[in-house]
Amino acid sequence: MPARQIIPLMLLAAGCLAGHLGWAQQAAIAPLPPATPVVAPPRVDIGAELPPKQSAAPAPTATTPQQSRPTIPEPVCIINGRYLTSTSALSAINPQQIDKIEIYKSGSGPVQWRSLTAPGIISITLKTNPKTKLKARSLAAIKRGLGLHGPVGFEFNGAPIQDESLRILTDAIAGFDITQATPGTAATTVVNIRSVPYKPKVHPPGTTMIRGLATQ
C-alpha cells in the first residue's frame, strides 16, 4: 500500500481511539432524587353531600362559685320586761323616754328569757308614765285568734318563748308558722311568730342629717 494512503488511515484510527478513551473517562452521572408521591383527594361525585365540618369544642372556663353572704340573726327586744318585739318596731319609741338599756348575750340574763338570748336581747326600760302607747297581743289572745286548741308552744323567730307573760307588739308581727301536733311524734302544737325584718332607711346621697333637741 502506498505511503500516501497509509497516513490518512493511521490518522483516522488515532481519532477513533481518542474518542473511545474520552468516553471512558467521563464522570458517572448522579442519580435523580426520588420523586415525592402526590396523594390526590378522594373524588366527590357531583351532587354528593359533603360531611359537615366539626368545630373544636370550646375549652372549659373556670368559674368561681358564688359565695352567699352570711345572715346575722336579728336580736330581740324586750320593753319594760313585758313586751317582746323586734328591732323594726323600735322606731315607735321616743328616745327621750328611754331610761335604761341592757344587753344580754347568749346564756345570760334572767332565766325566763335565756331561751331567747341566742341572737341577743336588748332590754329597754322606759321612764315612768311614758307618753308612747304600745299595742300588743298576749300569747293566749294569739292562740284564740288562730283557733287552736290543746297545748300550744310559742316561738319568736324560731327561739322558744318560756316566759308566757310576755306580750308581742302588734307592729312587730309579720306572720305565723303553725306546726300541728301529731300523735306519736309531737304532743304540742308549735306556733312560730315571725317578726317584721329590720330595714334601715336609705337616704339619697348628699342628704344632711341634723339631730338636736327642740325646746319651747
N, C-alpha and C. Protein backbone atom coordinates (compact mmCIF):
# COMPACT_ATOMS: atom_id res chain seq x y z
N MET A 1 0.88 -1.17 0.00
CA MET A 1 0.00 0.00 0.00
C MET A 1 0.91 1.21 0.00
N PRO A 2 0.59 2.17 -0.85
CA PRO A 2 1.44 3.36 -0.93
C PRO A 2 1.40 4.12 0.38
N ALA A 3 2.47 4.83 0.66
CA ALA A 3 2.61 5.57 1.92
C ALA A 3 1.58 6.67 2.02
N ARG A 4 1.18 7.25 0.90
CA ARG A 4 0.20 8.33 0.95
C ARG A 4 -1.17 7.85 1.37
N GLN A 5 -1.47 6.57 1.27
CA GLN A 5 -2.76 6.02 1.75
C GLN A 5 -2.68 5.55 3.19
N ILE A 6 -1.47 5.17 3.62
CA ILE A 6 -1.33 4.65 4.98
C ILE A 6 -1.48 5.78 5.98
N ILE A 7 -1.00 6.96 5.72
CA ILE A 7 -1.02 8.07 6.68
C ILE A 7 -2.45 8.48 7.01
N PRO A 8 -3.38 8.66 6.02
CA PRO A 8 -4.76 9.00 6.42
C PRO A 8 -5.44 7.94 7.25
N LEU A 9 -5.16 6.67 6.97
CA LEU A 9 -5.77 5.59 7.75
C LEU A 9 -5.28 5.62 9.19
N MET A 10 -4.01 5.93 9.37
CA MET A 10 -3.46 5.98 10.71
C MET A 10 -4.09 7.15 11.48
N LEU A 11 -4.26 8.28 10.82
CA LEU A 11 -4.88 9.42 11.49
C LEU A 11 -6.34 9.11 11.87
N LEU A 12 -7.07 8.38 11.01
CA LEU A 12 -8.46 8.02 11.31
C LEU A 12 -8.55 7.07 12.49
N ALA A 13 -7.59 6.10 12.51
CA ALA A 13 -7.61 5.15 13.64
C ALA A 13 -7.27 5.83 14.94
N ALA A 14 -6.34 6.79 14.90
CA ALA A 14 -5.98 7.51 16.15
C ALA A 14 -7.15 8.34 16.64
N GLY A 15 -7.93 8.98 15.75
CA GLY A 15 -9.10 9.76 16.19
C GLY A 15 -10.15 8.89 16.83
N CYS A 16 -10.37 7.69 16.21
CA CYS A 16 -11.37 6.79 16.80
C CYS A 16 -10.95 6.33 18.19
N LEU A 17 -9.65 6.02 18.34
CA LEU A 17 -9.17 5.56 19.64
C LEU A 17 -9.28 6.67 20.69
N ALA A 18 -8.95 7.89 20.29
CA ALA A 18 -9.06 9.00 21.25
C ALA A 18 -10.51 9.23 21.66
N GLY A 19 -11.46 9.04 20.78
CA GLY A 19 -12.88 9.20 21.15
C GLY A 19 -13.33 8.19 22.15
N HIS A 20 -12.88 6.92 21.96
CA HIS A 20 -13.27 5.89 22.93
C HIS A 20 -12.67 6.15 24.30
N LEU A 21 -11.40 6.63 24.35
CA LEU A 21 -10.78 6.92 25.65
C LEU A 21 -11.49 8.08 26.36
N GLY A 22 -11.90 9.11 25.64
CA GLY A 22 -12.61 10.23 26.26
C GLY A 22 -13.96 9.83 26.82
N TRP A 23 -14.66 8.97 26.12
CA TRP A 23 -15.96 8.47 26.64
C TRP A 23 -15.78 7.66 27.91
N ALA A 24 -14.71 6.86 27.99
CA ALA A 24 -14.49 6.03 29.18
C ALA A 24 -14.11 6.88 30.38
N GLN A 25 -13.45 8.07 30.14
CA GLN A 25 -13.00 8.90 31.25
C GLN A 25 -14.07 9.88 31.75
N GLN A 26 -15.23 9.96 31.14
CA GLN A 26 -16.29 10.86 31.61
C GLN A 26 -16.81 10.43 32.99
N ALA A 27 -17.14 11.41 33.87
CA ALA A 27 -17.66 11.10 35.25
C ALA A 27 -19.05 10.48 35.18
N ALA A 28 -19.30 9.66 36.16
CA ALA A 28 -20.62 8.99 36.20
C ALA A 28 -21.71 10.01 36.50
N ILE A 29 -22.85 9.88 35.89
CA ILE A 29 -23.99 10.79 36.08
C ILE A 29 -24.67 10.49 37.42
N ALA A 30 -24.90 11.56 38.25
CA ALA A 30 -25.55 11.38 39.58
C ALA A 30 -26.99 10.92 39.40
N PRO A 31 -27.44 10.01 40.24
CA PRO A 31 -28.83 9.52 40.11
C PRO A 31 -29.82 10.62 40.47
N LEU A 32 -30.98 10.60 39.89
CA LEU A 32 -32.03 11.57 40.16
C LEU A 32 -32.65 11.33 41.54
N PRO A 33 -32.99 12.41 42.26
CA PRO A 33 -33.63 12.21 43.59
C PRO A 33 -35.01 11.59 43.43
N PRO A 34 -35.43 10.80 44.47
CA PRO A 34 -36.76 10.16 44.37
C PRO A 34 -37.87 11.21 44.38
N ALA A 35 -38.84 11.02 43.58
CA ALA A 35 -39.97 11.96 43.47
C ALA A 35 -40.93 11.74 44.63
N THR A 36 -41.40 12.85 45.21
CA THR A 36 -42.37 12.78 46.32
C THR A 36 -43.73 12.38 45.77
N PRO A 37 -44.33 11.31 46.33
CA PRO A 37 -45.65 10.90 45.81
C PRO A 37 -46.72 11.93 46.14
N VAL A 38 -47.58 12.21 45.25
CA VAL A 38 -48.68 13.15 45.40
C VAL A 38 -49.96 12.37 45.60
N VAL A 39 -50.61 12.60 46.78
CA VAL A 39 -51.86 11.90 47.09
C VAL A 39 -53.01 12.78 46.67
N ALA A 40 -53.76 12.32 45.76
CA ALA A 40 -54.90 13.08 45.25
C ALA A 40 -56.08 12.91 46.20
N PRO A 41 -56.84 13.99 46.48
CA PRO A 41 -58.02 13.86 47.36
C PRO A 41 -59.06 12.97 46.72
N PRO A 42 -59.87 12.34 47.60
CA PRO A 42 -60.91 11.45 47.03
C PRO A 42 -61.88 12.25 46.17
N ARG A 43 -62.26 11.63 45.14
CA ARG A 43 -63.17 12.26 44.20
C ARG A 43 -64.58 12.24 44.75
N VAL A 44 -65.19 13.39 44.68
CA VAL A 44 -66.57 13.52 45.14
C VAL A 44 -67.47 13.61 43.93
N ASP A 45 -68.45 12.74 43.92
CA ASP A 45 -69.38 12.77 42.80
C ASP A 45 -70.20 14.03 42.84
N ILE A 46 -70.59 14.49 41.72
CA ILE A 46 -71.42 15.67 41.62
C ILE A 46 -72.78 15.39 42.27
N GLY A 47 -73.18 16.29 43.17
CA GLY A 47 -74.45 16.13 43.86
C GLY A 47 -74.34 15.40 45.18
N ALA A 48 -73.14 14.87 45.48
CA ALA A 48 -72.98 14.18 46.76
C ALA A 48 -72.90 15.19 47.89
N GLU A 49 -73.39 14.83 49.08
CA GLU A 49 -73.43 15.74 50.22
C GLU A 49 -72.15 15.60 51.01
N LEU A 50 -71.47 16.74 51.22
CA LEU A 50 -70.23 16.72 51.98
C LEU A 50 -70.55 16.60 53.47
N PRO A 51 -69.72 15.86 54.23
CA PRO A 51 -69.96 15.77 55.68
C PRO A 51 -69.72 17.12 56.33
N PRO A 52 -70.53 17.48 57.33
CA PRO A 52 -70.35 18.79 57.99
C PRO A 52 -69.02 18.85 58.70
N LYS A 53 -68.44 20.05 58.71
CA LYS A 53 -67.16 20.27 59.37
C LYS A 53 -67.39 20.39 60.87
N GLN A 54 -66.69 19.56 61.63
CA GLN A 54 -66.85 19.55 63.07
C GLN A 54 -65.92 20.59 63.68
N SER A 55 -66.54 21.51 64.45
CA SER A 55 -65.75 22.54 65.11
C SER A 55 -65.22 22.00 66.42
N ALA A 56 -64.07 22.48 66.80
CA ALA A 56 -63.45 22.04 68.04
C ALA A 56 -64.27 22.52 69.23
N ALA A 57 -64.42 21.66 70.23
CA ALA A 57 -65.19 22.00 71.41
C ALA A 57 -64.48 23.10 72.18
N PRO A 58 -65.22 24.11 72.66
CA PRO A 58 -64.55 25.19 73.40
C PRO A 58 -63.97 24.68 74.71
N ALA A 59 -62.83 25.23 75.06
CA ALA A 59 -62.17 24.83 76.29
C ALA A 59 -63.00 25.27 77.48
N PRO A 60 -63.16 24.42 78.48
CA PRO A 60 -63.96 24.81 79.66
C PRO A 60 -63.32 25.96 80.38
N THR A 61 -64.16 26.89 80.80
CA THR A 61 -63.67 28.06 81.52
C THR A 61 -63.89 27.86 83.01
N ALA A 62 -62.93 28.29 83.79
CA ALA A 62 -63.03 28.14 85.23
C ALA A 62 -64.02 29.14 85.79
N THR A 63 -64.91 28.67 86.62
CA THR A 63 -65.92 29.53 87.24
C THR A 63 -65.71 29.55 88.73
N THR A 64 -65.95 30.68 89.32
CA THR A 64 -65.82 30.85 90.76
C THR A 64 -67.19 30.74 91.40
N PRO A 65 -67.40 29.79 92.31
CA PRO A 65 -68.73 29.67 92.92
C PRO A 65 -69.09 30.92 93.70
N GLN A 66 -70.35 31.31 93.57
CA GLN A 66 -70.81 32.49 94.27
C GLN A 66 -70.95 32.19 95.76
N GLN A 67 -70.38 33.06 96.50
CA GLN A 67 -70.45 32.91 97.94
C GLN A 67 -71.58 33.76 98.50
N SER A 68 -72.48 33.10 99.19
CA SER A 68 -73.60 33.83 99.77
C SER A 68 -73.14 34.54 101.04
N ARG A 69 -73.69 35.70 101.24
CA ARG A 69 -73.33 36.48 102.42
C ARG A 69 -74.00 35.87 103.64
N PRO A 70 -73.24 35.62 104.72
CA PRO A 70 -73.86 35.02 105.90
C PRO A 70 -74.86 35.96 106.53
N THR A 71 -75.99 35.38 106.97
CA THR A 71 -77.05 36.17 107.58
C THR A 71 -76.79 36.28 109.08
N ILE A 72 -76.95 37.46 109.62
CA ILE A 72 -76.76 37.70 111.04
C ILE A 72 -78.12 37.68 111.71
N PRO A 73 -78.34 36.84 112.72
CA PRO A 73 -79.65 36.80 113.38
C PRO A 73 -79.95 38.13 114.04
N GLU A 74 -81.20 38.56 113.91
CA GLU A 74 -81.61 39.84 114.47
C GLU A 74 -81.91 39.68 115.95
N PRO A 75 -81.35 40.53 116.79
CA PRO A 75 -81.65 40.41 118.23
C PRO A 75 -83.10 40.77 118.52
N VAL A 76 -83.59 40.25 119.63
CA VAL A 76 -84.95 40.57 120.06
C VAL A 76 -84.88 41.70 121.08
N CYS A 77 -86.00 42.38 121.23
CA CYS A 77 -86.09 43.49 122.17
C CYS A 77 -87.22 43.22 123.16
N ILE A 78 -86.96 43.52 124.41
CA ILE A 78 -87.96 43.39 125.45
C ILE A 78 -88.09 44.75 126.12
N ILE A 79 -89.29 45.30 126.11
CA ILE A 79 -89.54 46.64 126.64
C ILE A 79 -90.25 46.52 127.99
N ASN A 80 -89.65 47.19 128.98
CA ASN A 80 -90.20 47.19 130.35
C ASN A 80 -90.37 45.78 130.91
N GLY A 81 -89.59 44.83 130.39
CA GLY A 81 -89.69 43.45 130.88
C GLY A 81 -91.00 42.78 130.58
N ARG A 82 -91.76 43.34 129.65
CA ARG A 82 -93.12 42.85 129.41
C ARG A 82 -93.44 42.66 127.94
N TYR A 83 -92.93 43.51 127.09
CA TYR A 83 -93.29 43.49 125.66
C TYR A 83 -92.12 42.94 124.85
N LEU A 84 -92.44 41.92 124.04
CA LEU A 84 -91.44 41.30 123.15
C LEU A 84 -91.63 41.84 121.74
N THR A 85 -90.55 42.27 121.14
CA THR A 85 -90.64 42.84 119.80
C THR A 85 -89.30 42.65 119.09
N SER A 86 -89.25 43.15 117.87
CA SER A 86 -88.01 43.11 117.09
C SER A 86 -87.48 44.53 116.95
N THR A 87 -86.28 44.64 116.41
CA THR A 87 -85.69 45.97 116.25
C THR A 87 -86.45 46.83 115.25
N SER A 88 -87.28 46.23 114.42
CA SER A 88 -88.02 47.01 113.42
C SER A 88 -89.09 47.89 114.06
N ALA A 89 -89.55 47.53 115.28
CA ALA A 89 -90.62 48.28 115.94
C ALA A 89 -90.09 49.33 116.91
N LEU A 90 -88.77 49.49 116.99
CA LEU A 90 -88.21 50.46 117.94
C LEU A 90 -88.43 51.90 117.48
N SER A 91 -88.78 52.08 116.20
CA SER A 91 -88.98 53.44 115.71
C SER A 91 -90.19 54.11 116.38
N ALA A 92 -91.06 53.30 116.98
CA ALA A 92 -92.24 53.87 117.64
C ALA A 92 -91.91 54.43 119.02
N ILE A 93 -90.68 54.20 119.48
CA ILE A 93 -90.30 54.67 120.82
C ILE A 93 -89.52 55.97 120.70
N ASN A 94 -89.92 56.92 121.48
CA ASN A 94 -89.21 58.21 121.54
C ASN A 94 -87.93 58.03 122.35
N PRO A 95 -86.76 58.32 121.78
CA PRO A 95 -85.52 58.12 122.54
C PRO A 95 -85.49 58.89 123.85
N GLN A 96 -86.22 60.02 123.95
CA GLN A 96 -86.22 60.81 125.17
C GLN A 96 -86.96 60.11 126.31
N GLN A 97 -87.71 59.06 125.98
CA GLN A 97 -88.46 58.34 127.01
C GLN A 97 -87.71 57.12 127.53
N ILE A 98 -86.52 56.85 127.00
CA ILE A 98 -85.74 55.68 127.42
C ILE A 98 -84.97 56.02 128.69
N ASP A 99 -85.14 55.18 129.69
CA ASP A 99 -84.43 55.37 130.96
C ASP A 99 -83.19 54.49 131.05
N LYS A 100 -83.25 53.26 130.55
CA LYS A 100 -82.11 52.34 130.68
C LYS A 100 -82.15 51.31 129.57
N ILE A 101 -80.96 50.91 129.10
CA ILE A 101 -80.82 49.86 128.08
C ILE A 101 -79.82 48.83 128.60
N GLU A 102 -80.20 47.54 128.53
CA GLU A 102 -79.32 46.45 128.95
C GLU A 102 -79.20 45.45 127.80
N ILE A 103 -78.01 44.92 127.64
CA ILE A 103 -77.74 43.95 126.57
C ILE A 103 -77.43 42.61 127.21
N TYR A 104 -78.11 41.57 126.74
CA TYR A 104 -77.87 40.20 127.21
C TYR A 104 -77.41 39.34 126.04
N LYS A 105 -76.28 38.69 126.25
CA LYS A 105 -75.78 37.77 125.24
C LYS A 105 -76.28 36.36 125.54
N SER A 106 -75.86 35.42 124.68
CA SER A 106 -76.34 34.04 124.82
C SER A 106 -75.96 33.47 126.18
N GLY A 107 -76.97 32.91 126.86
CA GLY A 107 -76.74 32.28 128.16
C GLY A 107 -76.75 33.21 129.34
N SER A 108 -77.01 34.51 129.10
CA SER A 108 -77.03 35.46 130.21
C SER A 108 -78.43 36.04 130.35
N GLY A 109 -78.61 36.86 131.39
CA GLY A 109 -79.90 37.49 131.59
C GLY A 109 -80.80 36.67 132.48
N PRO A 110 -82.02 37.16 132.68
CA PRO A 110 -82.98 36.43 133.51
C PRO A 110 -83.25 35.02 132.98
N VAL A 111 -83.51 34.10 133.88
CA VAL A 111 -83.67 32.70 133.48
C VAL A 111 -84.82 32.52 132.50
N GLN A 112 -85.93 33.24 132.71
CA GLN A 112 -87.10 33.05 131.86
C GLN A 112 -86.88 33.60 130.44
N TRP A 113 -85.79 34.34 130.21
CA TRP A 113 -85.51 34.89 128.89
C TRP A 113 -84.37 34.18 128.16
N ARG A 114 -83.71 33.28 128.83
CA ARG A 114 -82.48 32.72 128.25
C ARG A 114 -82.72 31.91 126.98
N SER A 115 -83.93 31.43 126.79
CA SER A 115 -84.21 30.72 125.53
C SER A 115 -84.24 31.68 124.35
N LEU A 116 -84.33 32.98 124.62
CA LEU A 116 -84.37 33.98 123.55
C LEU A 116 -83.03 34.68 123.33
N THR A 117 -82.02 34.30 124.13
CA THR A 117 -80.76 35.04 124.08
C THR A 117 -79.79 34.53 123.03
N ALA A 118 -80.16 33.54 122.23
CA ALA A 118 -79.23 33.06 121.19
C ALA A 118 -78.81 34.18 120.25
N PRO A 119 -79.73 35.00 119.72
CA PRO A 119 -79.30 36.13 118.90
C PRO A 119 -78.99 37.38 119.72
N GLY A 120 -79.27 37.34 121.03
CA GLY A 120 -79.05 38.51 121.88
C GLY A 120 -80.36 39.21 122.21
N ILE A 121 -80.41 39.84 123.38
CA ILE A 121 -81.59 40.56 123.83
C ILE A 121 -81.21 41.99 124.15
N ILE A 122 -82.03 42.92 123.68
CA ILE A 122 -81.90 44.33 124.06
C ILE A 122 -83.08 44.64 124.97
N SER A 123 -82.76 44.86 126.24
CA SER A 123 -83.81 45.16 127.23
C SER A 123 -83.86 46.66 127.42
N ILE A 124 -85.03 47.24 127.15
CA ILE A 124 -85.22 48.69 127.23
C ILE A 124 -86.22 48.99 128.33
N THR A 125 -85.82 49.86 129.23
CA THR A 125 -86.70 50.31 130.30
C THR A 125 -87.07 51.76 130.04
N LEU A 126 -88.36 52.02 129.94
CA LEU A 126 -88.84 53.38 129.69
C LEU A 126 -89.05 54.12 131.00
N LYS A 127 -89.08 55.41 130.90
CA LYS A 127 -89.34 56.24 132.07
C LYS A 127 -90.78 56.05 132.55
N THR A 128 -91.04 56.42 133.76
CA THR A 128 -92.39 56.26 134.31
C THR A 128 -93.38 57.13 133.55
N ASN A 129 -94.58 56.59 133.42
CA ASN A 129 -95.66 57.27 132.71
C ASN A 129 -95.23 57.73 131.31
N PRO A 130 -94.79 56.79 130.48
CA PRO A 130 -94.39 57.20 129.13
C PRO A 130 -95.60 57.62 128.32
N LYS A 131 -95.35 58.56 127.42
CA LYS A 131 -96.44 59.01 126.57
C LYS A 131 -96.72 58.03 125.43
N THR A 132 -95.71 57.19 125.10
CA THR A 132 -95.88 56.26 124.00
C THR A 132 -96.76 55.10 124.44
N LYS A 133 -97.81 54.83 123.68
CA LYS A 133 -98.69 53.71 123.95
C LYS A 133 -98.33 52.56 123.02
N LEU A 134 -98.09 51.40 123.61
CA LEU A 134 -97.68 50.23 122.85
C LEU A 134 -98.88 49.29 122.69
N LYS A 135 -99.15 48.90 121.44
CA LYS A 135 -100.22 47.94 121.16
C LYS A 135 -99.60 46.55 121.07
N ALA A 136 -100.11 45.64 121.89
CA ALA A 136 -99.53 44.30 121.96
C ALA A 136 -100.63 43.26 122.12
N ARG A 137 -100.26 42.00 121.85
CA ARG A 137 -101.18 40.87 122.00
C ARG A 137 -100.53 39.83 122.88
N SER A 138 -101.33 39.27 123.76
CA SER A 138 -100.82 38.21 124.63
C SER A 138 -100.75 36.90 123.84
N LEU A 139 -100.00 35.94 124.38
CA LEU A 139 -99.90 34.63 123.72
C LEU A 139 -101.25 33.92 123.73
N ALA A 140 -102.01 34.10 124.80
CA ALA A 140 -103.33 33.48 124.87
C ALA A 140 -104.25 34.06 123.80
N ALA A 141 -104.17 35.39 123.57
CA ALA A 141 -105.01 36.01 122.54
C ALA A 141 -104.60 35.52 121.14
N ILE A 142 -103.32 35.30 120.93
CA ILE A 142 -102.88 34.78 119.64
C ILE A 142 -103.39 33.36 119.43
N LYS A 143 -103.38 32.57 120.48
CA LYS A 143 -103.89 31.19 120.39
C LYS A 143 -105.37 31.19 120.02
N ARG A 144 -106.14 32.04 120.68
CA ARG A 144 -107.57 32.10 120.37
C ARG A 144 -107.79 32.62 118.95
N GLY A 145 -107.02 33.61 118.54
CA GLY A 145 -107.20 34.16 117.20
C GLY A 145 -106.88 33.16 116.10
N LEU A 146 -105.97 32.24 116.38
CA LEU A 146 -105.64 31.21 115.39
C LEU A 146 -106.57 30.00 115.48
N GLY A 147 -107.46 29.99 116.45
CA GLY A 147 -108.41 28.88 116.57
C GLY A 147 -107.76 27.58 116.98
N LEU A 148 -106.74 27.64 117.81
CA LEU A 148 -106.01 26.44 118.23
C LEU A 148 -106.55 25.95 119.57
N HIS A 149 -106.46 24.64 119.75
CA HIS A 149 -106.91 24.02 120.99
C HIS A 149 -105.82 23.07 121.48
N GLY A 150 -105.86 22.79 122.78
CA GLY A 150 -104.86 21.91 123.34
C GLY A 150 -103.57 22.64 123.64
N PRO A 151 -102.55 21.89 124.07
CA PRO A 151 -101.27 22.52 124.42
C PRO A 151 -100.63 23.20 123.19
N VAL A 152 -100.17 24.43 123.39
CA VAL A 152 -99.54 25.20 122.32
C VAL A 152 -98.25 25.81 122.86
N GLY A 153 -97.16 25.63 122.15
CA GLY A 153 -95.89 26.26 122.48
C GLY A 153 -95.61 27.37 121.48
N PHE A 154 -95.02 28.46 121.95
CA PHE A 154 -94.78 29.62 121.10
C PHE A 154 -93.27 29.83 120.91
N GLU A 155 -92.93 30.31 119.72
CA GLU A 155 -91.56 30.67 119.39
C GLU A 155 -91.56 32.07 118.77
N PHE A 156 -90.44 32.74 118.90
CA PHE A 156 -90.27 34.04 118.28
C PHE A 156 -89.04 33.96 117.38
N ASN A 157 -89.30 33.95 116.07
CA ASN A 157 -88.23 33.76 115.07
C ASN A 157 -87.44 32.48 115.32
N GLY A 158 -88.16 31.43 115.73
CA GLY A 158 -87.53 30.12 115.93
C GLY A 158 -87.00 29.89 117.32
N ALA A 159 -86.98 30.89 118.19
CA ALA A 159 -86.49 30.74 119.56
C ALA A 159 -87.67 30.52 120.49
N PRO A 160 -87.65 29.49 121.34
CA PRO A 160 -88.79 29.22 122.23
C PRO A 160 -89.03 30.35 123.21
N ILE A 161 -90.30 30.63 123.47
CA ILE A 161 -90.71 31.64 124.45
C ILE A 161 -91.10 30.91 125.73
N GLN A 162 -90.27 31.02 126.76
CA GLN A 162 -90.56 30.35 128.02
C GLN A 162 -91.38 31.23 128.96
N ASP A 163 -91.22 32.53 128.83
CA ASP A 163 -91.97 33.46 129.68
C ASP A 163 -93.31 33.75 129.00
N GLU A 164 -94.37 33.05 129.46
CA GLU A 164 -95.68 33.20 128.83
C GLU A 164 -96.36 34.51 129.18
N SER A 165 -95.79 35.29 130.06
CA SER A 165 -96.37 36.58 130.39
C SER A 165 -95.98 37.67 129.39
N LEU A 166 -95.05 37.38 128.50
CA LEU A 166 -94.63 38.36 127.51
C LEU A 166 -95.75 38.61 126.50
N ARG A 167 -95.90 39.85 126.11
CA ARG A 167 -96.86 40.24 125.09
C ARG A 167 -96.08 40.66 123.84
N ILE A 168 -96.64 40.36 122.67
CA ILE A 168 -95.96 40.63 121.40
C ILE A 168 -96.52 41.93 120.83
N LEU A 169 -95.63 42.87 120.49
CA LEU A 169 -96.09 44.10 119.86
C LEU A 169 -96.73 43.78 118.51
N THR A 170 -97.91 44.36 118.29
CA THR A 170 -98.66 44.08 117.07
C THR A 170 -97.89 44.50 115.82
N ASP A 171 -97.21 45.64 115.87
CA ASP A 171 -96.49 46.13 114.69
C ASP A 171 -95.28 45.26 114.34
N ALA A 172 -94.87 44.38 115.25
CA ALA A 172 -93.70 43.55 115.00
C ALA A 172 -94.06 42.19 114.40
N ILE A 173 -95.35 41.85 114.32
CA ILE A 173 -95.76 40.53 113.85
C ILE A 173 -95.90 40.55 112.33
N ALA A 174 -95.12 39.69 111.66
CA ALA A 174 -95.21 39.56 110.20
C ALA A 174 -96.07 38.36 109.80
N GLY A 175 -96.15 37.33 110.62
CA GLY A 175 -96.95 36.15 110.28
C GLY A 175 -96.69 35.04 111.28
N PHE A 176 -97.35 33.91 111.06
CA PHE A 176 -97.24 32.77 111.95
C PHE A 176 -96.94 31.51 111.15
N ASP A 177 -96.11 30.66 111.73
CA ASP A 177 -95.84 29.33 111.18
C ASP A 177 -96.35 28.32 112.20
N ILE A 178 -97.35 27.53 111.79
CA ILE A 178 -98.01 26.61 112.72
C ILE A 178 -97.61 25.18 112.39
N THR A 179 -97.10 24.47 113.38
CA THR A 179 -96.79 23.04 113.26
C THR A 179 -97.74 22.29 114.17
N GLN A 180 -98.70 21.60 113.54
CA GLN A 180 -99.73 20.91 114.31
C GLN A 180 -99.15 19.70 115.04
N ALA A 181 -99.74 19.40 116.20
CA ALA A 181 -99.35 18.22 116.96
C ALA A 181 -99.79 16.97 116.23
N THR A 182 -98.93 15.96 116.21
CA THR A 182 -99.24 14.69 115.56
C THR A 182 -99.10 13.56 116.57
N PRO A 183 -100.03 12.62 116.59
CA PRO A 183 -99.95 11.51 117.56
C PRO A 183 -98.67 10.71 117.36
N GLY A 184 -97.97 10.46 118.46
CA GLY A 184 -96.76 9.67 118.42
C GLY A 184 -95.51 10.45 118.05
N THR A 185 -95.65 11.68 117.61
CA THR A 185 -94.48 12.47 117.23
C THR A 185 -94.36 13.73 118.07
N ALA A 186 -95.37 14.57 118.04
CA ALA A 186 -95.36 15.80 118.82
C ALA A 186 -96.71 15.96 119.49
N ALA A 187 -96.67 16.17 120.80
CA ALA A 187 -97.91 16.30 121.56
C ALA A 187 -98.36 17.74 121.67
N THR A 188 -97.53 18.67 121.25
CA THR A 188 -97.83 20.09 121.40
C THR A 188 -97.77 20.78 120.04
N THR A 189 -98.75 21.61 119.77
CA THR A 189 -98.73 22.44 118.57
C THR A 189 -97.78 23.62 118.80
N VAL A 190 -96.93 23.88 117.81
CA VAL A 190 -95.93 24.94 117.93
C VAL A 190 -96.31 26.07 116.98
N VAL A 191 -96.35 27.30 117.52
CA VAL A 191 -96.63 28.49 116.73
C VAL A 191 -95.37 29.36 116.73
N ASN A 192 -94.78 29.52 115.57
CA ASN A 192 -93.62 30.38 115.44
C ASN A 192 -94.08 31.76 114.96
N ILE A 193 -93.76 32.79 115.74
CA ILE A 193 -94.14 34.16 115.41
C ILE A 193 -92.99 34.79 114.63
N ARG A 194 -93.23 35.10 113.36
CA ARG A 194 -92.22 35.74 112.52
C ARG A 194 -92.33 37.26 112.67
N SER A 195 -91.21 37.90 112.93
CA SER A 195 -91.21 39.34 113.11
C SER A 195 -90.93 40.04 111.79
N VAL A 196 -91.33 41.29 111.74
CA VAL A 196 -91.06 42.11 110.56
C VAL A 196 -89.56 42.38 110.50
N PRO A 197 -88.88 42.06 109.40
CA PRO A 197 -87.43 42.28 109.34
C PRO A 197 -87.09 43.76 109.38
N TYR A 198 -85.95 44.02 109.95
CA TYR A 198 -85.49 45.41 110.07
C TYR A 198 -84.94 45.89 108.73
N LYS A 199 -85.43 47.01 108.26
CA LYS A 199 -84.97 47.61 107.01
C LYS A 199 -84.57 49.05 107.29
N PRO A 200 -83.27 49.30 107.32
CA PRO A 200 -82.84 50.67 107.60
C PRO A 200 -83.25 51.61 106.49
N LYS A 201 -83.59 52.83 106.87
CA LYS A 201 -83.99 53.83 105.89
C LYS A 201 -82.77 54.33 105.15
N VAL A 202 -82.84 54.29 103.82
CA VAL A 202 -81.73 54.71 102.98
C VAL A 202 -82.01 56.12 102.48
N HIS A 203 -81.09 57.02 102.76
CA HIS A 203 -81.22 58.40 102.32
C HIS A 203 -80.40 58.61 101.05
N PRO A 204 -80.87 59.45 100.13
CA PRO A 204 -80.12 59.69 98.90
C PRO A 204 -78.79 60.35 99.19
N PRO A 205 -77.81 60.18 98.29
CA PRO A 205 -76.51 60.82 98.50
C PRO A 205 -76.65 62.32 98.62
N GLY A 206 -75.86 62.90 99.52
CA GLY A 206 -75.89 64.34 99.73
C GLY A 206 -76.84 64.79 100.80
N THR A 207 -77.57 63.84 101.44
CA THR A 207 -78.52 64.22 102.48
C THR A 207 -77.77 64.60 103.76
N THR A 208 -78.13 65.68 104.36
CA THR A 208 -77.52 66.15 105.61
C THR A 208 -78.48 65.87 106.75
N MET A 209 -78.01 65.10 107.72
CA MET A 209 -78.83 64.74 108.87
C MET A 209 -78.43 65.62 110.05
N ILE A 210 -79.40 66.30 110.66
CA ILE A 210 -79.17 67.17 111.80
C ILE A 210 -80.00 66.65 112.96
N ARG A 211 -79.34 66.32 114.08
CA ARG A 211 -80.04 65.81 115.26
C ARG A 211 -79.87 66.81 116.41
N GLY A 212 -80.95 67.13 117.05
CA GLY A 212 -80.89 68.06 118.17
C GLY A 212 -82.14 67.98 119.00
N LEU A 213 -82.23 68.80 119.98
CA LEU A 213 -83.38 68.84 120.87
C LEU A 213 -84.14 70.13 120.64
N ALA A 214 -85.45 69.99 120.53
CA ALA A 214 -86.28 71.18 120.34
C ALA A 214 -86.78 71.65 121.70
N THR A 215 -86.65 72.91 121.97
CA THR A 215 -87.09 73.48 123.25
C THR A 215 -88.13 74.55 122.99
N GLN A 216 -89.01 74.70 123.91
CA GLN A 216 -90.06 75.71 123.80
C GLN A 216 -89.74 76.89 124.73
